[in-house]
PDB file of all heavy atoms in Angstrom:
ATOM      1  N   LYS A   1      81.434 100.543  90.783  1.00  0.00           N
ATOM      2  CA  LYS A   1      81.078 100.564  89.363  1.00  0.00           C
ATOM      3  C   LYS A   1      79.881 101.491  89.121  1.00  0.00           C
ATOM      4  O   LYS A   1      79.058 101.726  90.013  1.00  0.00           O
ATOM      5  CB  LYS A   1      80.762  99.155  88.875  1.00  0.00           C
ATOM      6  CG  LYS A   1      81.935  98.185  89.001  1.00  0.00           C
ATOM      7  CD  LYS A   1      81.543  96.816  88.498  1.00  0.00           C
ATOM      8  CE  LYS A   1      82.712  95.833  88.544  1.00  0.00           C
ATOM      9  NZ  LYS A   1      83.156  95.574  89.942  1.00  0.00           N
ATOM     10  N   ALA A   2      79.800 101.980  87.885  1.00  0.00           N
ATOM     11  CA  ALA A   2      78.766 102.960  87.538  1.00  0.00           C
ATOM     12  C   ALA A   2      77.355 102.413  87.717  1.00  0.00           C
ATOM     13  O   ALA A   2      76.421 103.170  88.005  1.00  0.00           O
ATOM     14  CB  ALA A   2      78.980 103.451  86.107  1.00  0.00           C
ATOM     15  N   ASP A   3      77.183 101.106  87.539  1.00  0.00           N
ATOM     16  CA  ASP A   3      75.836 100.539  87.595  1.00  0.00           C
ATOM     17  C   ASP A   3      75.472 100.008  88.983  1.00  0.00           C
ATOM     18  O   ASP A   3      74.414  99.405  89.167  1.00  0.00           O
ATOM     19  CB  ASP A   3      75.683  99.428  86.562  1.00  0.00           C
ATOM     20  CG  ASP A   3      76.666  98.278  86.774  1.00  0.00           C
ATOM     21  OD1 ASP A   3      77.604  98.438  87.590  1.00  0.00           O
ATOM     22  OD2 ASP A   3      76.509  97.225  86.130  1.00  0.00           O
ATOM     23  N   GLU A   4      76.298 100.218  89.962  1.00  0.00           N
ATOM     24  CA  GLU A   4      76.028  99.714  91.305  1.00  0.00           C
ATOM     25  C   GLU A   4      75.214 100.717  92.116  1.00  0.00           C
ATOM     26  O   GLU A   4      75.456 101.927  92.058  1.00  0.00           O
ATOM     27  CB  GLU A   4      77.328  99.397  92.037  1.00  0.00           C
ATOM     28  CG  GLU A   4      78.051  98.182  91.486  1.00  0.00           C
ATOM     29  CD  GLU A   4      79.271  97.821  92.300  1.00  0.00           C
ATOM     30  OE1 GLU A   4      80.230  98.624  92.325  1.00  0.00           O
ATOM     31  OE2 GLU A   4      79.284  96.742  92.911  1.00  0.00           O
ATOM     32  N   ALA A   5      74.285 100.207  92.884  1.00  0.00           N
ATOM     33  CA  ALA A   5      73.484 101.057  93.770  1.00  0.00           C
ATOM     34  C   ALA A   5      74.298 101.380  95.021  1.00  0.00           C
ATOM     35  O   ALA A   5      74.872 100.479  95.644  1.00  0.00           O
ATOM     36  CB  ALA A   5      72.195 100.344  94.153  1.00  0.00           C
ATOM     37  N   VAL A   6      74.343 102.648  95.365  1.00  0.00           N
ATOM     38  CA  VAL A   6      75.142 103.079  96.509  1.00  0.00           C
ATOM     39  C   VAL A   6      74.247 103.668  97.594  1.00  0.00           C
ATOM     40  O   VAL A   6      73.157 104.182  97.325  1.00  0.00           O
ATOM     41  CB  VAL A   6      76.194 104.137  96.092  1.00  0.00           C
ATOM     42  CG1 VAL A   6      77.151 103.576  95.054  1.00  0.00           C
ATOM     43  CG2 VAL A   6      75.536 105.417  95.597  1.00  0.00           C
ATOM     44  N   GLN A   7      74.720 103.566  98.827  1.00  0.00           N
ATOM     45  CA  GLN A   7      74.181 104.361  99.914  1.00  0.00           C
ATOM     46  C   GLN A   7      75.096 105.579 100.057  1.00  0.00           C
ATOM     47  O   GLN A   7      76.307 105.469  99.860  1.00  0.00           O
ATOM     48  CB  GLN A   7      74.178 103.572 101.225  1.00  0.00           C
ATOM     49  CG  GLN A   7      73.240 102.389 101.226  1.00  0.00           C
ATOM     50  CD  GLN A   7      73.353 101.610 102.519  1.00  0.00           C
ATOM     51  OE1 GLN A   7      73.700 100.429 102.530  1.00  0.00           O
ATOM     52  NE2 GLN A   7      73.052 102.275 103.629  1.00  0.00           N
ATOM     53  N   GLU A   8      74.522 106.721 100.371  1.00  0.00           N
ATOM     54  CA  GLU A   8      75.371 107.901 100.457  1.00  0.00           C
ATOM     55  C   GLU A   8      74.903 108.859 101.533  1.00  0.00           C
ATOM     56  O   GLU A   8      73.744 108.859 101.947  1.00  0.00           O
ATOM     57  CB  GLU A   8      75.442 108.621  99.100  1.00  0.00           C
ATOM     58  CG  GLU A   8      74.144 109.176  98.575  1.00  0.00           C
ATOM     59  CD  GLU A   8      74.323 109.860  97.222  1.00  0.00           C
ATOM     60  OE1 GLU A   8      75.082 109.335  96.386  1.00  0.00           O
ATOM     61  OE2 GLU A   8      73.699 110.913  97.024  1.00  0.00           O
ATOM     62  N   GLN A   9      75.865 109.682 101.968  1.00  0.00           N
ATOM     63  CA  GLN A   9      75.605 110.704 102.980  1.00  0.00           C
ATOM     64  C   GLN A   9      76.434 111.930 102.630  1.00  0.00           C
ATOM     65  O   GLN A   9      77.586 111.810 102.209  1.00  0.00           O
ATOM     66  CB  GLN A   9      75.994 110.193 104.371  1.00  0.00           C
ATOM     67  CG  GLN A   9      75.789 111.174 105.505  1.00  0.00           C
ATOM     68  CD  GLN A   9      74.325 111.441 105.781  1.00  0.00           C
ATOM     69  OE1 GLN A   9      73.517 110.521 105.796  1.00  0.00           O
ATOM     70  NE2 GLN A   9      73.972 112.694 105.990  1.00  0.00           N
ATOM     71  N   ARG A  10      75.823 113.117 102.789  1.00  0.00           N
ATOM     72  CA  ARG A  10      76.520 114.362 102.469  1.00  0.00           C
ATOM     73  C   ARG A  10      77.068 115.015 103.741  1.00  0.00           C
ATOM     74  O   ARG A  10      76.455 114.952 104.805  1.00  0.00           O
ATOM     75  CB  ARG A  10      75.579 115.342 101.756  1.00  0.00           C
ATOM     76  CG  ARG A  10      75.150 114.857 100.381  1.00  0.00           C
ATOM     77  CD  ARG A  10      74.173 115.816  99.702  1.00  0.00           C
ATOM     78  NE  ARG A  10      73.825 115.326  98.389  1.00  0.00           N
ATOM     79  CZ  ARG A  10      74.506 115.615  97.282  1.00  0.00           C
ATOM     80  NH1 ARG A  10      75.539 116.428  97.339  1.00  0.00           N
ATOM     81  NH2 ARG A  10      74.130 115.108  96.124  1.00  0.00           N
ATOM     82  N   TYR A  11      78.238 115.662 103.581  1.00  0.00           N
ATOM     83  CA  TYR A  11      78.877 116.361 104.691  1.00  0.00           C
ATOM     84  C   TYR A  11      79.452 117.688 104.180  1.00  0.00           C
ATOM     85  O   TYR A  11      80.046 117.731 103.092  1.00  0.00           O
ATOM     86  CB  TYR A  11      80.025 115.541 105.291  1.00  0.00           C
ATOM     87  CG  TYR A  11      79.614 114.165 105.745  1.00  0.00           C
ATOM     88  CD1 TYR A  11      79.659 113.090 104.855  1.00  0.00           C
ATOM     89  CD2 TYR A  11      79.186 113.930 107.043  1.00  0.00           C
ATOM     90  CE1 TYR A  11      79.281 111.816 105.256  1.00  0.00           C
ATOM     91  CE2 TYR A  11      78.805 112.667 107.454  1.00  0.00           C
ATOM     92  CZ  TYR A  11      78.855 111.615 106.561  1.00  0.00           C
ATOM     93  OH  TYR A  11      78.480 110.355 106.954  1.00  0.00           O
ATOM     94  N   ARG A  12      79.272 118.727 104.947  1.00  0.00           N
ATOM     95  CA  ARG A  12      79.866 120.026 104.607  1.00  0.00           C
ATOM     96  C   ARG A  12      81.213 120.137 105.309  1.00  0.00           C
ATOM     97  O   ARG A  12      81.346 119.839 106.495  1.00  0.00           O
ATOM     98  CB  ARG A  12      78.951 121.169 105.043  1.00  0.00           C
ATOM     99  CG  ARG A  12      79.475 122.555 104.699  1.00  0.00           C
ATOM    100  CD  ARG A  12      78.472 123.633 105.093  1.00  0.00           C
ATOM    101  NE  ARG A  12      79.003 124.978 104.891  1.00  0.00           N
ATOM    102  CZ  ARG A  12      79.737 125.622 105.792  1.00  0.00           C
ATOM    103  NH1 ARG A  12      80.024 125.048 106.953  1.00  0.00           N
ATOM    104  NH2 ARG A  12      80.185 126.834 105.547  1.00  0.00           N
ATOM    105  N   VAL A  13      82.222 120.578 104.575  1.00  0.00           N
ATOM    106  CA  VAL A  13      83.568 120.721 105.139  1.00  0.00           C
ATOM    107  C   VAL A  13      83.612 121.951 106.034  1.00  0.00           C
ATOM    108  O   VAL A  13      83.310 123.063 105.613  1.00  0.00           O
ATOM    109  CB  VAL A  13      84.631 120.833 104.023  1.00  0.00           C
ATOM    110  CG1 VAL A  13      86.005 121.056 104.633  1.00  0.00           C
ATOM    111  CG2 VAL A  13      84.623 119.580 103.158  1.00  0.00           C
ATOM    112  N   ARG A  14      83.987 121.742 107.288  1.00  0.00           N
ATOM    113  CA  ARG A  14      84.011 122.799 108.288  1.00  0.00           C
ATOM    114  C   ARG A  14      85.416 123.373 108.459  1.00  0.00           C
ATOM    115  O   ARG A  14      86.403 122.773 108.036  1.00  0.00           O
ATOM    116  CB  ARG A  14      83.506 122.254 109.624  1.00  0.00           C
ATOM    117  CG  ARG A  14      82.119 121.606 109.547  1.00  0.00           C
ATOM    118  CD  ARG A  14      81.866 120.727 110.751  1.00  0.00           C
ATOM    119  NE  ARG A  14      82.863 119.665 110.846  1.00  0.00           N
ATOM    120  CZ  ARG A  14      82.932 118.799 111.866  1.00  0.00           C
ATOM    121  NH1 ARG A  14      82.065 118.891 112.855  1.00  0.00           N
ATOM    122  NH2 ARG A  14      83.858 117.861 111.885  1.00  0.00           N
ATOM    123  N   TYR A  15      85.474 124.506 109.107  1.00  0.00           N
ATOM    124  CA  TYR A  15      86.754 125.198 109.332  1.00  0.00           C
ATOM    125  C   TYR A  15      87.765 124.292 110.028  1.00  0.00           C
ATOM    126  O   TYR A  15      88.938 124.242 109.647  1.00  0.00           O
ATOM    127  CB  TYR A  15      86.506 126.463 110.163  1.00  0.00           C
ATOM    128  CG  TYR A  15      87.756 127.262 110.464  1.00  0.00           C
ATOM    129  CD1 TYR A  15      88.297 128.134 109.518  1.00  0.00           C
ATOM    130  CD2 TYR A  15      88.396 127.144 111.698  1.00  0.00           C
ATOM    131  CE1 TYR A  15      89.448 128.858 109.786  1.00  0.00           C
ATOM    132  CE2 TYR A  15      89.540 127.867 111.979  1.00  0.00           C
ATOM    133  CZ  TYR A  15      90.058 128.725 111.020  1.00  0.00           C
ATOM    134  OH  TYR A  15      91.197 129.437 111.297  1.00  0.00           O
ATOM    135  N   LEU A  16      87.320 123.565 111.054  1.00  0.00           N
ATOM    136  CA  LEU A  16      88.235 122.740 111.832  1.00  0.00           C
ATOM    137  C   LEU A  16      88.576 121.416 111.152  1.00  0.00           C
ATOM    138  O   LEU A  16      89.357 120.628 111.691  1.00  0.00           O
ATOM    139  CB  LEU A  16      87.661 122.487 113.229  1.00  0.00           C
ATOM    140  CG  LEU A  16      87.568 123.732 114.121  1.00  0.00           C
ATOM    141  CD1 LEU A  16      86.958 123.370 115.477  1.00  0.00           C
ATOM    142  CD2 LEU A  16      88.934 124.378 114.317  1.00  0.00           C
ATOM    143  N   ASP A  17      88.020 121.156 109.979  1.00  0.00           N
ATOM    144  CA  ASP A  17      88.413 119.981 109.197  1.00  0.00           C
ATOM    145  C   ASP A  17      89.710 120.220 108.422  1.00  0.00           C
ATOM    146  O   ASP A  17      90.298 119.271 107.894  1.00  0.00           O
ATOM    147  CB  ASP A  17      87.318 119.605 108.196  1.00  0.00           C
ATOM    148  CG  ASP A  17      86.039 119.145 108.870  1.00  0.00           C
ATOM    149  OD1 ASP A  17      86.102 118.679 110.026  1.00  0.00           O
ATOM    150  OD2 ASP A  17      84.963 119.277 108.243  1.00  0.00           O
ATOM    151  N   ILE A  18      90.124 121.482 108.324  1.00  0.00           N
ATOM    152  CA  ILE A  18      91.280 121.863 107.504  1.00  0.00           C
ATOM    153  C   ILE A  18      92.554 121.820 108.338  1.00  0.00           C
ATOM    154  O   ILE A  18      92.578 122.291 109.482  1.00  0.00           O
ATOM    155  CB  ILE A  18      91.080 123.275 106.915  1.00  0.00           C
ATOM    156  CG1 ILE A  18      89.759 123.349 106.143  1.00  0.00           C
ATOM    157  CG2 ILE A  18      92.263 123.665 106.024  1.00  0.00           C
ATOM    158  CD1 ILE A  18      89.652 122.406 104.968  1.00  0.00           C
ATOM    159  N   ASP A  19      93.622 121.255 107.771  1.00  0.00           N
ATOM    160  CA  ASP A  19      94.893 121.179 108.497  1.00  0.00           C
ATOM    161  C   ASP A  19      95.911 122.172 107.936  1.00  0.00           C
ATOM    162  O   ASP A  19      95.564 123.029 107.113  1.00  0.00           O
ATOM    163  CB  ASP A  19      95.442 119.752 108.498  1.00  0.00           C
ATOM    164  CG  ASP A  19      95.780 119.223 107.103  1.00  0.00           C
ATOM    165  OD1 ASP A  19      95.971 120.032 106.170  1.00  0.00           O
ATOM    166  OD2 ASP A  19      95.862 117.985 106.948  1.00  0.00           O
ATOM    167  N   ALA A  20      97.161 122.053 108.382  1.00  0.00           N
ATOM    168  CA  ALA A  20      98.196 123.024 108.020  1.00  0.00           C
ATOM    169  C   ALA A  20      98.549 123.006 106.542  1.00  0.00           C
ATOM    170  O   ALA A  20      99.136 123.962 106.032  1.00  0.00           O
ATOM    171  CB  ALA A  20      99.456 122.788 108.859  1.00  0.00           C
ATOM    172  N   ASN A  21      98.189 121.927 105.840  1.00  0.00           N
ATOM    173  CA  ASN A  21      98.418 121.870 104.394  1.00  0.00           C
ATOM    174  C   ASN A  21      97.293 122.522 103.604  1.00  0.00           C
ATOM    175  O   ASN A  21      97.258 122.448 102.377  1.00  0.00           O
ATOM    176  CB  ASN A  21      98.600 120.424 103.936  1.00  0.00           C
ATOM    177  CG  ASN A  21      99.949 119.860 104.329  1.00  0.00           C
ATOM    178  OD1 ASN A  21     100.935 120.587 104.412  1.00  0.00           O
ATOM    179  ND2 ASN A  21     100.002 118.560 104.572  1.00  0.00           N
ATOM    180  N   GLN A  22      96.353 123.143 104.328  1.00  0.00           N
ATOM    181  CA  GLN A  22      95.246 123.900 103.729  1.00  0.00           C
ATOM    182  C   GLN A  22      94.278 123.040 102.931  1.00  0.00           C
ATOM    183  O   GLN A  22      93.713 123.467 101.932  1.00  0.00           O
ATOM    184  CB  GLN A  22      95.796 125.052 102.853  1.00  0.00           C
ATOM    185  CG  GLN A  22      96.781 125.967 103.568  1.00  0.00           C
ATOM    186  CD  GLN A  22      96.234 126.510 104.893  1.00  0.00           C
ATOM    187  OE1 GLN A  22      95.117 127.004 104.936  1.00  0.00           O
ATOM    188  NE2 GLN A  22      97.011 126.391 105.959  1.00  0.00           N
ATOM    189  N   HIS A  23      94.103 121.809 103.397  1.00  0.00           N
ATOM    190  CA  HIS A  23      93.071 120.938 102.840  1.00  0.00           C
ATOM    191  C   HIS A  23      92.519 120.067 103.967  1.00  0.00           C
ATOM    192  O   HIS A  23      93.012 120.106 105.099  1.00  0.00           O
ATOM    193  CB  HIS A  23      93.606 120.095 101.676  1.00  0.00           C
ATOM    194  CG  HIS A  23      94.745 119.177 102.037  1.00  0.00           C
ATOM    195  ND1 HIS A  23      95.559 118.591 101.108  1.00  0.00           N
ATOM    196  CD2 HIS A  23      95.216 118.733 103.244  1.00  0.00           C
ATOM    197  CE1 HIS A  23      96.461 117.840 101.688  1.00  0.00           C
ATOM    198  NE2 HIS A  23      96.271 117.898 102.999  1.00  0.00           N
ATOM    199  N   VAL A  24      91.484 119.296 103.675  1.00  0.00           N
ATOM    200  CA  VAL A  24      90.868 118.455 104.700  1.00  0.00           C
ATOM    201  C   VAL A  24      91.886 117.444 105.225  1.00  0.00           C
ATOM    202  O   VAL A  24      92.573 116.765 104.461  1.00  0.00           O
ATOM    203  CB  VAL A  24      89.628 117.729 104.135  1.00  0.00           C
ATOM    204  CG1 VAL A  24      89.164 116.631 105.094  1.00  0.00           C
ATOM    205  CG2 VAL A  24      88.495 118.720 103.900  1.00  0.00           C
ATOM    206  N   ASN A  25      91.967 117.362 106.553  1.00  0.00           N
ATOM    207  CA  ASN A  25      92.853 116.395 107.195  1.00  0.00           C
ATOM    208  C   ASN A  25      92.443 114.982 106.810  1.00  0.00           C
ATOM    209  O   ASN A  25      91.251 114.653 106.739  1.00  0.00           O
ATOM    210  CB  ASN A  25      92.783 116.575 108.710  1.00  0.00           C
ATOM    211  CG  ASN A  25      93.734 115.655 109.439  1.00  0.00           C
ATOM    212  OD1 ASN A  25      93.396 114.523 109.739  1.00  0.00           O
ATOM    213  ND2 ASN A  25      94.922 116.153 109.718  1.00  0.00           N
ATOM    214  N   ASN A  26      93.434 114.121 106.581  1.00  0.00           N
ATOM    215  CA  ASN A  26      93.123 112.789 106.039  1.00  0.00           C
ATOM    216  C   ASN A  26      92.281 111.933 106.980  1.00  0.00           C
ATOM    217  O   ASN A  26      91.560 111.049 106.534  1.00  0.00           O
ATOM    218  CB  ASN A  26      94.401 112.064 105.622  1.00  0.00           C
ATOM    219  CG  ASN A  26      95.300 111.743 106.784  1.00  0.00           C
ATOM    220  OD1 ASN A  26      95.119 110.746 107.461  1.00  0.00           O
ATOM    221  ND2 ASN A  26      96.294 112.579 107.029  1.00  0.00           N
ATOM    222  N   SER A  27      92.322 112.196 108.295  1.00  0.00           N
ATOM    223  CA  SER A  27      91.510 111.398 109.219  1.00  0.00           C
ATOM    224  C   SER A  27      90.011 111.620 108.995  1.00  0.00           C
ATOM    225  O   SER A  27      89.193 110.746 109.323  1.00  0.00           O
ATOM    226  CB  SER A  27      91.870 111.721 110.670  1.00  0.00           C
ATOM    227  OG  SER A  27      91.484 113.032 111.020  1.00  0.00           O
ATOM    228  N   LYS A  28      89.628 112.772 108.416  1.00  0.00           N
ATOM    229  CA  LYS A  28      88.208 113.049 108.177  1.00  0.00           C
ATOM    230  C   LYS A  28      87.619 112.100 107.139  1.00  0.00           C
ATOM    231  O   LYS A  28      86.436 111.753 107.196  1.00  0.00           O
ATOM    232  CB  LYS A  28      88.021 114.495 107.716  1.00  0.00           C
ATOM    233  CG  LYS A  28      88.411 115.527 108.764  1.00  0.00           C
ATOM    234  CD  LYS A  28      87.560 115.409 110.008  1.00  0.00           C
ATOM    235  CE  LYS A  28      87.994 116.360 111.087  1.00  0.00           C
ATOM    236  NZ  LYS A  28      87.207 116.209 112.336  1.00  0.00           N
ATOM    237  N   TYR A  29      88.443 111.669 106.193  1.00  0.00           N
ATOM    238  CA  TYR A  29      87.953 110.721 105.187  1.00  0.00           C
ATOM    239  C   TYR A  29      87.538 109.407 105.851  1.00  0.00           C
ATOM    240  O   TYR A  29      86.543 108.790 105.466  1.00  0.00           O
ATOM    241  CB  TYR A  29      89.030 110.455 104.137  1.00  0.00           C
ATOM    242  CG  TYR A  29      89.364 111.638 103.258  1.00  0.00           C
ATOM    243  CD1 TYR A  29      90.217 112.649 103.708  1.00  0.00           C
ATOM    244  CD2 TYR A  29      88.848 111.746 101.974  1.00  0.00           C
ATOM    245  CE1 TYR A  29      90.541 113.734 102.910  1.00  0.00           C
ATOM    246  CE2 TYR A  29      89.167 112.821 101.155  1.00  0.00           C
ATOM    247  CZ  TYR A  29      90.010 113.815 101.634  1.00  0.00           C
ATOM    248  OH  TYR A  29      90.321 114.895 100.835  1.00  0.00           O
ATOM    249  N   PHE A  30      88.319 108.982 106.859  1.00  0.00           N
ATOM    250  CA  PHE A  30      87.971 107.767 107.583  1.00  0.00           C
ATOM    251  C   PHE A  30      86.648 107.959 108.327  1.00  0.00           C
ATOM    252  O   PHE A  30      85.835 107.036 108.395  1.00  0.00           O
ATOM    253  CB  PHE A  30      89.091 107.398 108.555  1.00  0.00           C
ATOM    254  CG  PHE A  30      90.329 106.881 107.880  1.00  0.00           C
ATOM    255  CD1 PHE A  30      91.316 107.747 107.434  1.00  0.00           C
ATOM    256  CD2 PHE A  30      90.500 105.522 107.689  1.00  0.00           C
ATOM    257  CE1 PHE A  30      92.460 107.273 106.818  1.00  0.00           C
ATOM    258  CE2 PHE A  30      91.644 105.034 107.066  1.00  0.00           C
ATOM    259  CZ  PHE A  30      92.627 105.908 106.622  1.00  0.00           C
ATOM    260  N   GLU A  31      86.439 109.153 108.897  1.00  0.00           N
ATOM    261  CA  GLU A  31      85.161 109.444 109.566  1.00  0.00           C
ATOM    262  C   GLU A  31      83.997 109.333 108.588  1.00  0.00           C
ATOM    263  O   GLU A  31      82.975 108.697 108.885  1.00  0.00           O
ATOM    264  CB  GLU A  31      85.192 110.856 110.160  1.00  0.00           C
ATOM    265  CG  GLU A  31      86.040 111.017 111.395  1.00  0.00           C
ATOM    266  CD  GLU A  31      85.882 112.389 112.010  1.00  0.00           C
ATOM    267  OE1 GLU A  31      84.827 113.027 111.786  1.00  0.00           O
ATOM    268  OE2 GLU A  31      86.800 112.833 112.710  1.00  0.00           O
ATOM    269  N   TRP A  32      84.130 109.982 107.433  1.00  0.00           N
ATOM    270  CA  TRP A  32      83.044 109.976 106.449  1.00  0.00           C
ATOM    271  C   TRP A  32      82.750 108.565 105.955  1.00  0.00           C
ATOM    272  O   TRP A  32      81.592 108.192 105.767  1.00  0.00           O
ATOM    273  CB  TRP A  32      83.402 110.874 105.274  1.00  0.00           C
ATOM    274  CG  TRP A  32      83.530 112.334 105.614  1.00  0.00           C
ATOM    275  CD1 TRP A  32      82.859 113.006 106.586  1.00  0.00           C
ATOM    276  CD2 TRP A  32      84.368 113.297 104.965  1.00  0.00           C
ATOM    277  NE1 TRP A  32      83.237 114.333 106.587  1.00  0.00           N
ATOM    278  CE2 TRP A  32      84.152 114.540 105.606  1.00  0.00           C
ATOM    279  CE3 TRP A  32      85.275 113.243 103.906  1.00  0.00           C
ATOM    280  CZ2 TRP A  32      84.815 115.715 105.219  1.00  0.00           C
ATOM    281  CZ3 TRP A  32      85.938 114.394 103.517  1.00  0.00           C
ATOM    282  CH2 TRP A  32      85.709 115.616 104.173  1.00  0.00           C
TER     283      TRP A  32
END
């Protein structure tokens, strides 16, 4: 929700994060 306090971390998308569909591989979301 908009009013909830969150913890957050930033990550830059790297070359090897991209798969054959030309976007970030779905397993990276689980890592983040």
